[in-house]
C-alpha atoms as a PDB file:
ATOM      1  CA  UNK A   1     -46.436  -8.862  96.964  1.00  0.00           C
ATOM      2  CA  UNK A   2     -46.448 -11.372  94.138  1.00  0.00           C
ATOM      3  CA  UNK A   3     -44.345 -13.787  96.186  1.00  0.00           C
ATOM      4  CA  UNK A   4     -46.848 -13.603  99.033  1.00  0.00           C
ATOM      5  CA  UNK A   5     -49.681 -14.194  96.584  1.00  0.00           C
ATOM      6  CA  UNK A   6     -47.953 -17.257  95.143  1.00  0.00           C
ATOM      7  CA  UNK A   7     -47.275 -18.521  98.671  1.00  0.00           C
ATOM      8  CA  UNK A   8     -50.927 -18.038  99.641  1.00  0.00           C
ATOM      9  CA  UNK A   9     -52.102 -19.899  96.535  1.00  0.00           C
ATOM     10  CA  UNK A  10     -49.760 -22.793  97.338  1.00  0.00           C
ATOM     11  CA  UNK A  11     -51.014 -22.998 100.940  1.00  0.00           C
ATOM     12  CA  UNK A  12     -54.650 -22.913  99.838  1.00  0.00           C
ATOM     13  CA  UNK A  13     -53.980 -25.579  97.218  1.00  0.00           C
ATOM     14  CA  UNK A  14     -52.338 -27.867  99.771  1.00  0.00           C
ATOM     15  CA  UNK A  15     -55.235 -27.334 102.176  1.00  0.00           C
ATOM     16  CA  UNK A  16     -57.740 -28.137  99.436  1.00  0.00           C
ATOM     17  CA  UNK A  17     -55.872 -31.345  98.590  1.00  0.00           C
ATOM     18  CA  UNK A  18     -55.848 -32.423 102.243  1.00  0.00           C
ATOM     19  CA  UNK A  19     -59.583 -31.747 102.565  1.00  0.00           C
ATOM     20  CA  UNK A  20     -60.306 -33.610  99.311  1.00  0.00           C
ATOM     21  CA  UNK A  21     -58.230 -36.577 100.453  1.00  0.00           C
ATOM     22  CA  UNK A  22     -60.065 -36.725 103.764  1.00  0.00           C
ATOM     23  CA  UNK A  23     -63.485 -36.489 102.118  1.00  0.00           C
ATOM     24  CA  UNK A  24     -62.530 -39.200  99.630  1.00  0.00           C
ATOM     25  CA  UNK A  25     -61.385 -41.436 102.483  1.00  0.00           C
ATOM     26  CA  UNK A  26     -64.636 -40.872 104.374  1.00  0.00           C
ATOM     27  CA  UNK A  27     -66.780 -41.596 101.336  1.00  0.00           C
ATOM     28  CA  UNK A  28     -64.855 -44.789 100.566  1.00  0.00           C
ATOM     29  CA  UNK A  29     -64.808 -46.080 104.163  1.00  0.00           C
ATOM     30  CA  UNK A  30     -68.018 -47.792 105.323  1.00  0.00           C
ATOM     31  CA  UNK A  31     -66.808 -47.632 108.938  1.00  0.00           C
ATOM     32  CA  UNK A  32     -67.398 -43.870 108.797  1.00  0.00           C
ATOM     33  CA  UNK A  33     -70.921 -44.022 107.386  1.00  0.00           C
ATOM     34  CA  UNK A  34     -73.248 -41.588 109.162  1.00  0.00           C
ATOM     35  CA  UNK A  35     -76.443 -43.231 110.386  1.00  0.00           C
ATOM     36  CA  UNK A  36     -78.790 -41.073 112.440  1.00  0.00           C
ATOM     37  CA  UNK A  37     -82.310 -39.621 112.453  1.00  0.00           C
ATOM     38  CA  UNK A  38     -81.731 -37.936 109.084  1.00  0.00           C
ATOM     39  CA  UNK A  39     -79.537 -40.579 107.457  1.00  0.00           C
ATOM     40  CA  UNK A  40     -80.894 -44.137 107.149  1.00  0.00           C
ATOM     41  CA  UNK A  41     -78.612 -47.026 106.365  1.00  0.00           C
ATOM     42  CA  UNK A  42     -78.616 -47.854 102.628  1.00  0.00           C
ATOM     43  CA  UNK A  43     -79.802 -51.329 101.756  1.00  0.00           C
ATOM     44  CA  UNK A  44     -76.424 -52.286 100.320  1.00  0.00           C
ATOM     45  CA  UNK A  45     -74.751 -51.390 103.624  1.00  0.00           C
ATOM     46  CA  UNK A  46     -76.445 -54.167 105.608  1.00  0.00           C
ATOM     47  CA  UNK A  47     -73.518 -56.318 106.833  1.00  0.00           C
ATOM     48  CA  UNK A  48     -72.804 -59.725 105.348  1.00  0.00           C
ATOM     49  CA  UNK A  49     -69.876 -60.644 107.628  1.00  0.00           C
ATOM     50  CA  UNK A  50     -71.713 -61.036 110.923  1.00  0.00           C
ATOM     51  CA  UNK A  51     -70.224 -63.214 113.660  1.00  0.00           C
ATOM     52  CA  UNK A  52     -72.301 -64.688 116.474  1.00  0.00           C
ATOM     53  CA  UNK A  53     -70.461 -63.780 119.672  1.00  0.00           C
ATOM     54  CA  UNK A  54     -71.869 -66.759 121.542  1.00  0.00           C
ATOM     55  CA  UNK A  55     -70.014 -69.118 119.227  1.00  0.00           C
ATOM     56  CA  UNK A  56     -66.530 -67.715 119.804  1.00  0.00           C
ATOM     57  CA  UNK A  57     -64.096 -67.479 122.706  1.00  0.00           C
ATOM     58  CA  UNK A  58     -64.464 -64.029 124.249  1.00  0.00           C
ATOM     59  CA  UNK A  59     -63.204 -61.992 127.252  1.00  0.00           C
ATOM     60  CA  UNK A  60     -66.669 -60.620 128.137  1.00  0.00           C
ATOM     61  CA  UNK A  61     -70.118 -61.887 128.995  1.00  0.00           C
ATOM     62  CA  UNK A  62     -73.212 -61.774 126.774  1.00  0.00           C
ATOM     63  CA  UNK A  63     -76.769 -60.739 127.530  1.00  0.00           C
ATOM     64  CA  UNK A  64     -78.049 -63.522 125.269  1.00  0.00           C
ATOM     65  CA  UNK A  65     -76.833 -66.004 122.667  1.00  0.00           C
ATOM     66  CA  UNK A  66     -78.078 -64.136 119.579  1.00  0.00           C
ATOM     67  CA  UNK A  67     -75.751 -61.104 119.575  1.00  0.00           C
ATOM     68  CA  UNK A  68     -73.836 -60.515 116.331  1.00  0.00           C
ATOM     69  CA  UNK A  69     -71.266 -57.995 115.086  1.00  0.00           C
ATOM     70  CA  UNK A  70     -69.240 -57.526 111.914  1.00  0.00           C
ATOM     71  CA  UNK A  71     -66.124 -59.683 112.005  1.00  0.00           C
ATOM     72  CA  UNK A  72     -63.568 -56.847 112.149  1.00  0.00           C
ATOM     73  CA  UNK A  73     -65.498 -55.233 114.995  1.00  0.00           C
ATOM     74  CA  UNK A  74     -65.420 -58.539 116.905  1.00  0.00           C
ATOM     75  CA  UNK A  75     -61.614 -58.547 116.715  1.00  0.00           C
ATOM     76  CA  UNK A  76     -61.311 -54.921 117.832  1.00  0.00           C
ATOM     77  CA  UNK A  77     -63.726 -55.517 120.699  1.00  0.00           C
ATOM     78  CA  UNK A  78     -61.729 -58.504 121.947  1.00  0.00           C
ATOM     79  CA  UNK A  79     -58.498 -56.484 121.834  1.00  0.00           C
ATOM     80  CA  UNK A  80     -60.136 -53.667 123.788  1.00  0.00           C
ATOM     81  CA  UNK A  81     -61.577 -55.885 126.505  1.00  0.00           C
ATOM     82  CA  UNK A  82     -58.318 -57.822 126.865  1.00  0.00           C
ATOM     83  CA  UNK A  83     -56.594 -54.487 127.516  1.00  0.00           C
ATOM     84  CA  UNK A  84     -59.241 -53.562 130.088  1.00  0.00           C
ATOM     85  CA  UNK A  85     -58.805 -56.954 131.755  1.00  0.00           C
ATOM     86  CA  UNK A  86     -55.080 -56.234 132.130  1.00  0.00           C
ATOM     87  CA  UNK A  87     -56.075 -53.025 133.932  1.00  0.00           C
ATOM     88  CA  UNK A  88     -58.125 -55.073 136.387  1.00  0.00           C
ATOM     89  CA  UNK A  89     -61.597 -54.636 134.852  1.00  0.00           C
ATOM     90  CA  UNK A  90     -63.376 -57.968 134.415  1.00  0.00           C
ATOM     91  CA  UNK A  91     -67.105 -57.204 134.482  1.00  0.00           C
ATOM     92  CA  UNK A  92     -67.979 -56.336 130.887  1.00  0.00           C
ATOM     93  CA  UNK A  93     -71.166 -57.608 129.274  1.00  0.00           C
ATOM     94  CA  UNK A  94     -72.282 -57.005 125.687  1.00  0.00           C
ATOM     95  CA  UNK A  95     -75.981 -56.249 125.714  1.00  0.00           C
ATOM     96  CA  UNK A  96     -76.720 -55.731 122.031  1.00  0.00           C
ATOM     97  CA  UNK A  97     -75.072 -55.737 118.620  1.00  0.00           C
ATOM     98  CA  UNK A  98     -76.433 -56.044 115.095  1.00  0.00           C
ATOM     99  CA  UNK A  99     -80.164 -55.507 114.820  1.00  0.00           C
ATOM    100  CA  UNK A 100     -82.228 -56.169 111.709  1.00  0.00           C
ATOM    101  CA  UNK A 101     -84.736 -53.613 110.464  1.00  0.00           C
ATOM    102  CA  UNK A 102     -87.501 -56.016 111.497  1.00  0.00           C
ATOM    103  CA  UNK A 103     -86.090 -56.318 115.027  1.00  0.00           C
ATOM    104  CA  UNK A 104     -85.778 -52.538 115.235  1.00  0.00           C
ATOM    105  CA  UNK A 105     -89.410 -52.195 114.140  1.00  0.00           C
ATOM    106  CA  UNK A 106     -90.473 -54.456 117.001  1.00  0.00           C
ATOM    107  CA  UNK A 107     -88.387 -52.463 119.472  1.00  0.00           C
ATOM    108  CA  UNK A 108     -89.770 -49.200 118.108  1.00  0.00           C
ATOM    109  CA  UNK A 109     -93.322 -50.464 118.466  1.00  0.00           C
ATOM    110  CA  UNK A 110     -92.653 -51.528 122.061  1.00  0.00           C
ATOM    111  CA  UNK A 111     -90.700 -48.496 123.289  1.00  0.00           C
ATOM    112  CA  UNK A 112     -91.790 -45.666 121.017  1.00  0.00           C
ATOM    113  CA  UNK A 113     -89.787 -42.858 119.442  1.00  0.00           C
ATOM    114  CA  UNK A 114     -88.560 -41.519 122.784  1.00  0.00           C
ATOM    115  CA  UNK A 115     -86.501 -44.629 123.502  1.00  0.00           C
ATOM    116  CA  UNK A 116     -85.840 -46.270 120.130  1.00  0.00           C
ATOM    117  CA  UNK A 117     -84.671 -45.146 116.710  1.00  0.00           C
ATOM    118  CA  UNK A 118     -86.952 -45.536 113.741  1.00  0.00           C
ATOM    119  CA  UNK A 119     -86.418 -48.739 111.759  1.00  0.00           C
ATOM    120  CA  UNK A 120     -83.702 -48.167 109.171  1.00  0.00           C
ATOM    121  CA  UNK A 121     -82.147 -45.302 111.150  1.00  0.00           C
ATOM    122  CA  UNK A 122     -80.332 -47.213 113.887  1.00  0.00           C
ATOM    123  CA  UNK A 123     -76.568 -47.689 113.951  1.00  0.00           C
ATOM    124  CA  UNK A 124     -77.234 -51.226 115.113  1.00  0.00           C
ATOM    125  CA  UNK A 125     -78.230 -52.101 111.521  1.00  0.00           C
ATOM    126  CA  UNK A 126     -74.590 -51.616 110.471  1.00  0.00           C
ATOM    127  CA  UNK A 127     -72.945 -54.323 112.564  1.00  0.00           C
ATOM    128  CA  UNK A 128     -70.569 -51.581 113.744  1.00  0.00           C
ATOM    129  CA  UNK A 129     -72.423 -50.590 116.915  1.00  0.00           C
ATOM    130  CA  UNK A 130     -72.830 -52.330 120.226  1.00  0.00           C
ATOM    131  CA  UNK A 131     -74.223 -51.688 123.679  1.00  0.00           C
ATOM    132  CA  UNK A 132     -71.792 -52.692 126.403  1.00  0.00           C
ATOM    133  CA  UNK A 133     -72.350 -52.663 130.135  1.00  0.00           C
ATOM    134  CA  UNK A 134     -71.064 -53.750 133.500  1.00  0.00           C
ATOM    135  CA  UNK A 135     -72.405 -56.754 135.383  1.00  0.00           C
ATOM    136  CA  UNK A 136     -72.020 -54.755 138.625  1.00  0.00           C
ATOM    137  CA  UNK A 137     -73.801 -51.430 138.043  1.00  0.00           C
ATOM    138  CA  UNK A 138     -74.815 -48.934 135.347  1.00  0.00           C
ATOM    139  CA  UNK A 139     -72.119 -47.743 132.957  1.00  0.00           C
ATOM    140  CA  UNK A 140     -72.321 -44.127 134.124  1.00  0.00           C
ATOM    141  CA  UNK A 141     -71.198 -45.328 137.580  1.00  0.00           C
ATOM    142  CA  UNK A 142     -69.096 -48.385 136.749  1.00  0.00           C
ATOM    143  CA  UNK A 143     -65.296 -48.286 136.469  1.00  0.00           C
ATOM    144  CA  UNK A 144     -65.830 -50.154 133.191  1.00  0.00           C
ATOM    145  CA  UNK A 145     -67.723 -47.134 131.885  1.00  0.00           C
ATOM    146  CA  UNK A 146     -64.964 -44.730 132.848  1.00  0.00           C
ATOM    147  CA  UNK A 147     -62.346 -46.981 131.258  1.00  0.00           C
ATOM    148  CA  UNK A 148     -64.352 -47.193 128.019  1.00  0.00           C
ATOM    149  CA  UNK A 149     -64.739 -43.413 127.931  1.00  0.00           C
ATOM    150  CA  UNK A 150     -60.991 -42.906 128.287  1.00  0.00           C
ATOM    151  CA  UNK A 151     -59.655 -45.796 126.202  1.00  0.00           C
ATOM    152  CA  UNK A 152     -62.114 -47.005 123.546  1.00  0.00           C
ATOM    153  CA  UNK A 153     -60.593 -44.678 120.932  1.00  0.00           C
ATOM    154  CA  UNK A 154     -57.314 -46.618 121.099  1.00  0.00           C
ATOM    155  CA  UNK A 155     -59.090 -49.603 119.544  1.00  0.00           C
ATOM    156  CA  UNK A 156     -61.150 -47.885 116.847  1.00  0.00           C
ATOM    157  CA  UNK A 157     -64.289 -47.184 118.889  1.00  0.00           C
ATOM    158  CA  UNK A 158     -66.009 -43.945 119.813  1.00  0.00           C
ATOM    159  CA  UNK A 159     -68.532 -43.206 122.528  1.00  0.00           C
ATOM    160  CA  UNK A 160     -71.218 -42.252 120.052  1.00  0.00           C
ATOM    161  CA  UNK A 161     -73.581 -40.244 122.262  1.00  0.00           C
ATOM    162  CA  UNK A 162     -71.593 -38.310 124.905  1.00  0.00           C
ATOM    163  CA  UNK A 163     -73.427 -36.168 127.451  1.00  0.00           C
ATOM    164  CA  UNK A 164     -72.097 -32.814 126.218  1.00  0.00           C
ATOM    165  CA  UNK A 165     -72.995 -33.421 122.560  1.00  0.00           C
ATOM    166  CA  UNK A 166     -76.731 -34.159 122.766  1.00  0.00           C
ATOM    167  CA  UNK A 167     -77.581 -30.964 120.881  1.00  0.00           C
ATOM    168  CA  UNK A 168     -75.574 -32.290 117.929  1.00  0.00           C
ATOM    169  CA  UNK A 169     -76.392 -35.995 117.991  1.00  0.00           C
ATOM    170  CA  UNK A 170     -80.022 -35.528 119.016  1.00  0.00           C
ATOM    171  CA  UNK A 171     -79.592 -38.473 121.407  1.00  0.00           C
ATOM    172  CA  UNK A 172     -79.405 -38.376 125.188  1.00  0.00           C
ATOM    173  CA  UNK A 173     -76.224 -39.554 126.908  1.00  0.00           C
ATOM    174  CA  UNK A 174     -75.625 -43.269 126.320  1.00  0.00           C
ATOM    175  CA  UNK A 175     -72.431 -44.377 128.100  1.00  0.00           C
ATOM    176  CA  UNK A 176     -73.046 -47.918 126.869  1.00  0.00           C
ATOM    177  CA  UNK A 177     -73.312 -47.275 123.104  1.00  0.00           C
ATOM    178  CA  UNK A 178     -70.078 -47.744 121.160  1.00  0.00           C
ATOM    179  CA  UNK A 179     -69.568 -47.275 117.447  1.00  0.00           C
ATOM    180  CA  UNK A 180     -66.627 -48.680 115.518  1.00  0.00           C
ATOM    181  CA  UNK A 181     -65.080 -46.169 113.092  1.00  0.00           C
ATOM    182  CA  UNK A 182     -61.560 -47.580 112.979  1.00  0.00           C
ATOM    183  CA  UNK A 183     -58.120 -46.067 113.451  1.00  0.00           C
ATOM    184  CA  UNK A 184     -56.894 -43.365 113.148  1.00  0.00           C
ATOM    185  CA  UNK A 185     -60.357 -41.783 112.968  1.00  0.00           C
ATOM    186  CA  UNK A 186     -61.397 -42.740 116.497  1.00  0.00           C
ATOM    187  CA  UNK A 187     -58.235 -41.180 117.911  1.00  0.00           C
ATOM    188  CA  UNK A 188     -58.742 -37.990 115.901  1.00  0.00           C
ATOM    189  CA  UNK A 189     -62.331 -37.669 117.131  1.00  0.00           C
ATOM    190  CA  UNK A 190     -61.269 -38.263 120.723  1.00  0.00           C
ATOM    191  CA  UNK A 191     -58.374 -35.799 120.610  1.00  0.00           C
ATOM    192  CA  UNK A 192     -60.498 -33.103 118.934  1.00  0.00           C
ATOM    193  CA  UNK A 193     -63.594 -33.861 121.055  1.00  0.00           C
ATOM    194  CA  UNK A 194     -65.773 -34.443 117.990  1.00  0.00           C
ATOM    195  CA  UNK A 195     -68.780 -36.672 117.465  1.00  0.00           C
ATOM    196  CA  UNK A 196     -69.230 -38.318 114.085  1.00  0.00           C
ATOM    197  CA  UNK A 197     -71.532 -35.596 112.751  1.00  0.00           C
ATOM    198  CA  UNK A 198     -68.894 -32.951 113.518  1.00  0.00           C
ATOM    199  CA  UNK A 199     -65.987 -34.985 112.214  1.00  0.00           C
ATOM    200  CA  UNK A 200     -67.626 -35.633 108.862  1.00  0.00           C
ATOM    201  CA  UNK A 201     -68.446 -31.971 108.276  1.00  0.00           C
ATOM    202  CA  UNK A 202     -65.569 -30.062 109.901  1.00  0.00           C
ATOM    203  CA  UNK A 203     -63.605 -29.532 106.653  1.00  0.00           C
ATOM    204  CA  UNK A 204     -66.542 -29.061 104.294  1.00  0.00           C
END
């Protein structure tokens, strides 16, 4: 009996270490920061490494010339779209990227709470989120949308608001909204069918 007790203590200790390591990684990794209706972006988390997509060579179209993303997200996005291009998909367009609190306030005033997040509570403030579409049709119908759903995790992105997780995210299905969390986290979330809220709390 004592041997089994020692074995159980060892297993529990190892599990606790794994959980602690994961939580420490999450807390230290800004790519995994939770931003939603209950969790605003801290002031110090506003990105300082923004890249204007209009000013770089890119394998996708842009909705306008003002769209910005954090530099490491720009690289991951290019890698993802290049891979999609090799699969025959050429009609991607980035609709939106980084959004200042002031710009979000204007959007919120125009659209209201039903269609826009409150200023300070949007993932777009992080430089890690983007809205991507197809130049041919809506993303829920486009082959680009299906490809993104099945492959974005390979490049560090997650589909942030999937249709079957609205009760958890509090946001209706948005097949165009991608969030960069980085590897291997995006692959883990995809394989376990977890949204960010679930992933950050599953071991706590």
